Amino acid sequence: MPQSSFSRLWTDRSKPAYKVRYALRHPGRVVPYVRRAGRDLWLRVRSRGSHVAYYRAVMASDTARSPEAAVGGAPSRERWLAIGRMQFDYLVEHGLRPQDRMLEIGCGNLRAGWRFIEHLEPGHYYGIDISPDILVEAKRTLVRYGLQKKVPYLTPVDDLRLDFLPDGWFTVVHAHSVFSHSPLDVIDECLAHVGRVLAPGGFFDFTFDRTEGAEHQVLREDFYYRTETLVGLARKHGLEARFMDDWERLPHGQSKLRVTHAAPEPAR
């Protein structure tokens, strides 16, 4: 494993010692971090403990400054396009077909979604997000790329129970940079319900910030989990989760799990 990856896996970014070392190495980022921490405190107080309300407010604030930067912190439109292309190419390499029916959780402003919509048959893309502000930007992305005839569905949600969606409908479910910003109870809620909407033989890919040290979070915006924690959570809900080794070679900074229905027990 490259040294940079090794360091990323073991570093606990919530520790004061890490923050001090980072500040000494990157003094120009201290003031932006302090501003972010102040915003984090204010939004946490205002959201009264609700992570969805808190992160919706974060997205509203970030989207007002830059829709591209609000989605995964892309510093430029070129980077926004590159990360979306990477997600799209990976799923196409793994067999994403025009006839697939896709649910994208945390679709944002369609960084990858516009490519999925273009690739899929009309009406086969469904994007959800907790942020109404970013979904307004998603609609602008549709217009920019002339994808109205693909009639995608875009809707805001308050949770990940997915109770308004049909049973066994989606052959592909996708969530990029969603669980990296989610506490464990939100991930648990999603895994408890995604199996119902997942078609037989379908899969659910999600990325997460991986650590092999202590699990931790930074400013309630960035969460770091051990692989076995999320694999065990999927198993609790009758799902199988597989670590996607080939995703690790790509320049993205997160890891990926693929979740499927558990194989039926062999007949005795």
Protein backbone atom coordinates (compact mmCIF):
# COMPACT_ATOMS: atom_id res chain seq x y z
CA MET A 1 0.00 0.00 0.00
CA PRO A 2 1.40 3.46 -0.89
CA GLN A 3 2.60 5.46 2.08
CA SER A 4 0.01 8.19 1.46
CA SER A 5 -2.80 5.64 1.57
CA PHE A 6 -1.35 4.04 4.70
CA SER A 7 -1.21 7.40 6.45
CA ARG A 8 -4.76 8.23 5.42
CA LEU A 9 -6.07 4.97 6.84
CA TRP A 10 -4.47 5.32 10.26
CA THR A 11 -4.67 9.07 10.92
CA ASP A 12 -7.31 10.24 13.38
CA ARG A 13 -8.14 13.73 12.14
CA SER A 14 -10.23 14.50 15.22
CA LYS A 15 -7.21 14.46 17.56
CA PRO A 16 -5.77 17.81 18.72
CA ALA A 17 -2.23 16.63 17.92
CA TYR A 18 -3.18 16.01 14.30
CA LYS A 19 -4.83 19.43 14.06
CA VAL A 20 -1.75 21.16 15.46
CA ARG A 21 0.60 19.35 13.04
CA TYR A 22 -1.72 20.09 10.12
CA ALA A 23 -1.94 23.79 11.06
CA LEU A 24 1.85 24.07 11.21
CA ARG A 25 2.17 22.47 7.77
CA HIS A 26 -0.71 24.46 6.22
CA PRO A 27 -0.96 27.83 7.99
CA GLY A 28 -3.08 29.30 5.20
CA ARG A 29 -5.88 26.84 5.99
CA VAL A 30 -6.22 27.77 9.66
CA VAL A 31 -8.58 30.72 9.18
CA PRO A 32 -10.92 28.80 6.80
CA TYR A 33 -11.02 25.92 9.29
CA VAL A 34 -11.90 28.25 12.16
CA ARG A 35 -14.70 29.74 10.06
CA ARG A 36 -15.96 26.26 9.22
CA ALA A 37 -15.84 25.24 12.88
CA GLY A 38 -17.83 28.33 13.85
CA ARG A 39 -20.42 27.59 11.18
CA ASP A 40 -20.54 23.96 12.34
CA LEU A 41 -21.28 25.01 15.93
CA TRP A 42 -24.01 27.45 14.89
CA LEU A 43 -25.71 24.96 12.55
CA ARG A 44 -25.59 22.18 15.15
CA VAL A 45 -27.33 24.42 17.67
CA ARG A 46 -29.92 25.50 15.14
CA SER A 47 -30.63 21.94 13.93
CA ARG A 48 -31.29 20.72 17.51
CA GLY A 49 -29.56 17.40 17.11
CA SER A 50 -31.03 16.41 13.74
CA HIS A 51 -28.23 15.38 11.39
CA VAL A 52 -30.47 15.75 8.34
CA ALA A 53 -31.41 19.32 9.32
CA TYR A 54 -27.77 20.08 10.09
CA TYR A 55 -26.37 18.76 6.82
CA ARG A 56 -29.20 20.31 4.80
CA ALA A 57 -28.11 23.67 6.24
CA VAL A 58 -24.46 22.88 5.40
CA MET A 59 -25.43 22.17 1.79
CA ALA A 60 -27.52 25.34 1.57
CA SER A 61 -24.52 27.36 2.76
CA ASP A 62 -22.05 25.61 0.44
CA THR A 63 -24.36 25.70 -2.59
CA ALA A 64 -24.86 29.45 -2.21
CA ARG A 65 -21.09 29.89 -2.57
CA SER A 66 -20.42 27.30 -5.30
CA PRO A 67 -22.60 24.37 -6.44
CA GLU A 68 -19.55 22.49 -7.72
CA ALA A 69 -17.63 22.94 -4.45
CA ALA A 70 -20.72 21.93 -2.46
CA VAL A 71 -20.65 18.46 -4.02
CA GLY A 72 -17.60 16.67 -2.68
CA GLY A 73 -15.59 19.86 -2.30
CA ALA A 74 -14.57 19.98 -5.97
CA PRO A 75 -12.31 23.07 -6.26
CA SER A 76 -13.11 23.67 -9.94
CA ARG A 77 -15.54 22.72 -12.67
CA GLU A 78 -12.81 20.62 -14.28
CA ARG A 79 -12.44 18.58 -11.09
CA TRP A 80 -16.24 18.33 -10.79
CA LEU A 81 -16.37 16.87 -14.29
CA ALA A 82 -13.43 14.52 -13.66
CA ILE A 83 -14.90 13.01 -10.48
CA GLY A 84 -18.27 12.53 -12.16
CA ARG A 85 -16.58 10.86 -15.14
CA MET A 86 -14.66 8.55 -12.82
CA GLN A 87 -17.86 7.35 -11.15
CA PHE A 88 -19.58 6.85 -14.49
CA ASP A 89 -16.70 4.98 -16.13
CA TYR A 90 -16.37 2.66 -13.13
CA LEU A 91 -20.00 1.58 -13.25
CA VAL A 92 -19.96 1.17 -17.02
CA GLU A 93 -16.88 -1.04 -16.65
CA HIS A 94 -18.92 -3.05 -14.15
CA GLY A 95 -21.74 -3.56 -16.61
CA LEU A 96 -24.10 -0.58 -16.22
CA ARG A 97 -26.56 -0.99 -19.13
CA PRO A 98 -28.98 1.51 -20.68
CA GLN A 99 -31.88 -0.68 -19.53
CA ASP A 100 -30.79 -0.63 -15.88
CA ARG A 101 -33.01 1.23 -13.42
CA MET A 102 -30.83 3.38 -11.21
CA LEU A 103 -31.37 5.08 -7.86
CA GLU A 104 -28.71 7.62 -6.91
CA ILE A 105 -28.73 8.50 -3.21
CA GLY A 106 -27.26 11.96 -2.66
CA CYS A 107 -27.39 12.86 -6.35
CA GLY A 108 -26.32 16.46 -5.65
CA ASN A 109 -26.17 18.68 -8.72
CA LEU A 110 -25.71 15.61 -10.96
CA ARG A 111 -21.91 15.59 -10.98
CA ALA A 112 -22.08 11.98 -12.18
CA GLY A 113 -25.85 11.88 -12.57
CA TRP A 114 -26.01 13.73 -15.88
CA ARG A 115 -23.80 11.07 -17.42
CA PHE A 116 -25.94 8.29 -15.95
CA ILE A 117 -29.09 9.99 -17.27
CA GLU A 118 -27.55 10.33 -20.72
CA HIS A 119 -26.55 6.63 -20.70
CA LEU A 120 -29.81 5.20 -19.36
CA GLU A 121 -33.13 4.79 -21.12
CA PRO A 122 -35.72 7.54 -20.47
CA GLY A 123 -37.28 7.35 -17.02
CA HIS A 124 -34.64 4.95 -15.69
CA TYR A 125 -32.83 7.40 -13.39
CA TYR A 126 -34.11 8.44 -9.95
CA GLY A 127 -32.06 10.89 -7.89
CA ILE A 128 -32.73 11.82 -4.26
CA ASP A 129 -31.02 14.30 -1.98
CA ILE A 130 -31.67 15.89 1.42
CA SER A 131 -30.85 19.34 0.00
CA PRO A 132 -33.54 21.17 -1.98
CA ASP A 133 -30.94 23.82 -2.84
CA ILE A 134 -28.64 21.37 -4.60
CA LEU A 135 -31.60 19.81 -6.46
CA VAL A 136 -32.37 23.22 -7.97
CA GLU A 137 -28.79 23.15 -9.29
CA ALA A 138 -29.39 19.57 -10.53
CA LYS A 139 -32.26 20.81 -12.68
CA ARG A 140 -29.97 23.48 -14.11
CA THR A 141 -27.48 20.75 -14.97
CA LEU A 142 -30.22 18.89 -16.86
CA VAL A 143 -30.95 21.99 -18.90
CA ARG A 144 -27.24 22.65 -19.51
CA TYR A 145 -26.79 19.18 -21.05
CA GLY A 146 -30.16 19.07 -22.82
CA LEU A 147 -31.40 15.96 -21.02
CA GLN A 148 -35.06 16.89 -20.54
CA LYS A 149 -36.25 14.11 -22.88
CA LYS A 150 -34.65 11.54 -20.58
CA VAL A 151 -37.35 12.44 -17.97
CA PRO A 152 -35.27 11.71 -14.86
CA TYR A 153 -36.88 11.85 -11.43
CA LEU A 154 -35.39 14.22 -8.86
CA THR A 155 -36.84 14.57 -5.40
CA PRO A 156 -35.81 15.80 -1.93
CA VAL A 157 -36.00 13.45 1.06
CA ASP A 158 -35.93 13.79 4.84
CA ASP A 159 -34.54 10.32 5.56
CA LEU A 160 -33.26 7.15 3.88
CA ARG A 161 -36.19 4.85 4.58
CA LEU A 162 -37.01 4.93 0.85
CA ASP A 163 -40.63 4.16 1.73
CA PHE A 164 -42.04 6.00 -1.31
CA LEU A 165 -40.18 3.77 -3.77
CA PRO A 166 -41.40 0.42 -5.19
CA ASP A 167 -40.24 -3.02 -4.08
CA GLY A 168 -37.48 -4.72 -6.07
CA TRP A 169 -37.31 -2.02 -8.73
CA PHE A 170 -33.74 -0.70 -8.93
CA THR A 171 -31.04 -2.83 -10.52
CA VAL A 172 -28.34 -0.34 -9.50
CA VAL A 173 -28.26 1.86 -6.40
CA HIS A 174 -25.38 4.31 -6.06
CA ALA A 175 -24.18 6.65 -3.31
CA HIS A 176 -20.92 8.55 -3.72
CA SER A 177 -19.61 10.70 -0.83
CA VAL A 178 -22.81 10.21 1.16
CA PHE A 179 -21.80 7.85 3.97
CA SER A 180 -18.56 9.80 4.37
CA HIS A 181 -20.81 12.57 5.73
CA SER A 182 -23.23 10.35 7.68
CA PRO A 183 -23.33 9.12 11.29
CA LEU A 184 -23.78 5.39 11.75
CA ASP A 185 -27.52 5.57 12.49
CA VAL A 186 -28.15 7.16 9.07
CA ILE A 187 -26.15 4.42 7.34
CA ASP A 188 -28.00 1.79 9.36
CA GLU A 189 -31.34 3.29 8.29
CA CYS A 190 -30.34 3.13 4.63
CA LEU A 191 -29.10 -0.47 4.82
CA ALA A 192 -32.26 -1.48 6.68
CA HIS A 193 -34.41 -0.39 3.72
CA VAL A 194 -32.31 -0.49 0.56
CA GLY A 195 -32.72 -4.27 0.23
CA ARG A 196 -36.47 -3.82 -0.27
CA VAL A 197 -36.07 -1.55 -3.33
CA LEU A 198 -33.10 -3.47 -4.77
CA ALA A 199 -34.05 -5.82 -7.60
CA PRO A 200 -32.93 -9.48 -7.48
CA GLY A 201 -29.39 -9.61 -8.82
CA GLY A 202 -28.95 -5.86 -8.38
CA PHE A 203 -26.24 -4.08 -6.37
CA PHE A 204 -25.76 -1.04 -4.19
CA ASP A 205 -22.37 0.70 -4.43
CA PHE A 206 -21.38 3.25 -1.81
CA THR A 207 -18.16 5.02 -0.93
CA PHE A 208 -16.92 5.83 2.57
CA ASP A 209 -13.91 7.31 4.33
CA ARG A 210 -11.98 4.30 5.59
CA THR A 211 -9.81 4.01 8.66
CA GLU A 212 -8.03 1.03 10.15
CA GLY A 213 -7.55 2.88 13.41
CA ALA A 214 -10.19 4.32 15.73
CA GLU A 215 -13.42 5.37 14.05
CA HIS A 216 -13.97 9.11 14.37
CA GLN A 217 -15.65 12.18 12.92
CA VAL A 218 -14.62 15.77 12.25
CA LEU A 219 -17.09 18.66 12.70
CA ARG A 220 -20.07 16.32 12.14
CA GLU A 221 -19.31 16.62 8.42
CA ASP A 222 -16.67 13.92 7.87
CA PHE A 223 -16.97 10.40 9.29
CA TYR A 224 -14.31 7.68 9.20
CA TYR A 225 -15.32 3.99 9.50
CA ARG A 226 -13.64 0.63 9.59
CA THR A 227 -14.61 -1.67 6.72
CA GLU A 228 -15.73 -4.44 9.05
CA THR A 229 -18.16 -2.08 10.80
CA LEU A 230 -20.07 -1.42 7.58
CA VAL A 231 -19.84 -5.03 6.39
CA GLY A 232 -21.33 -6.14 9.72
CA LEU A 233 -24.07 -3.53 9.48
CA ALA A 234 -25.07 -4.81 6.04
CA ARG A 235 -25.07 -8.41 7.30
CA LYS A 236 -27.41 -7.41 10.13
CA HIS A 237 -29.99 -6.50 7.48
CA GLY A 238 -29.59 -9.66 5.41
CA LEU A 239 -27.20 -8.13 2.88
CA GLU A 240 -23.70 -9.06 1.75
CA ALA A 241 -21.03 -6.38 1.37
CA ARG A 242 -17.86 -6.81 -0.68
CA PHE A 243 -14.83 -4.50 -0.64
CA MET A 244 -14.11 -3.23 -4.16
CA ASP A 245 -10.35 -3.51 -4.54
CA ASP A 246 -10.30 -2.18 -8.11
CA TRP A 247 -11.81 1.12 -6.93
CA GLU A 248 -8.75 1.73 -4.74
CA ARG A 249 -6.53 2.37 -7.76
CA LEU A 250 -8.54 5.46 -8.74
CA PRO A 251 -7.69 9.03 -7.56
CA HIS A 252 -10.59 9.74 -5.23
CA GLY A 253 -9.55 9.35 -1.56
CA GLN A 254 -12.43 7.08 -0.52
CA SER A 255 -13.10 3.35 -0.46
CA LYS A 256 -16.07 1.48 -1.89
CA LEU A 257 -18.31 -1.40 -0.81
CA ARG A 258 -20.77 -3.26 -3.03
CA VAL A 259 -23.90 -4.54 -1.30
CA THR A 260 -26.12 -7.29 -2.68
CA HIS A 261 -28.87 -9.54 -1.43
CA ALA A 262 -27.44 -12.39 0.59
CA ALA A 263 -27.27 -15.69 -1.26
CA PRO A 264 -30.11 -18.06 -0.27
CA GLU A 265 -29.26 -20.87 2.11
CA PRO A 266 -28.69 -24.17 0.21
CA ALA A 267 -31.56 -26.64 0.43
CA ARG A 268 -30.99 -29.52 2.81
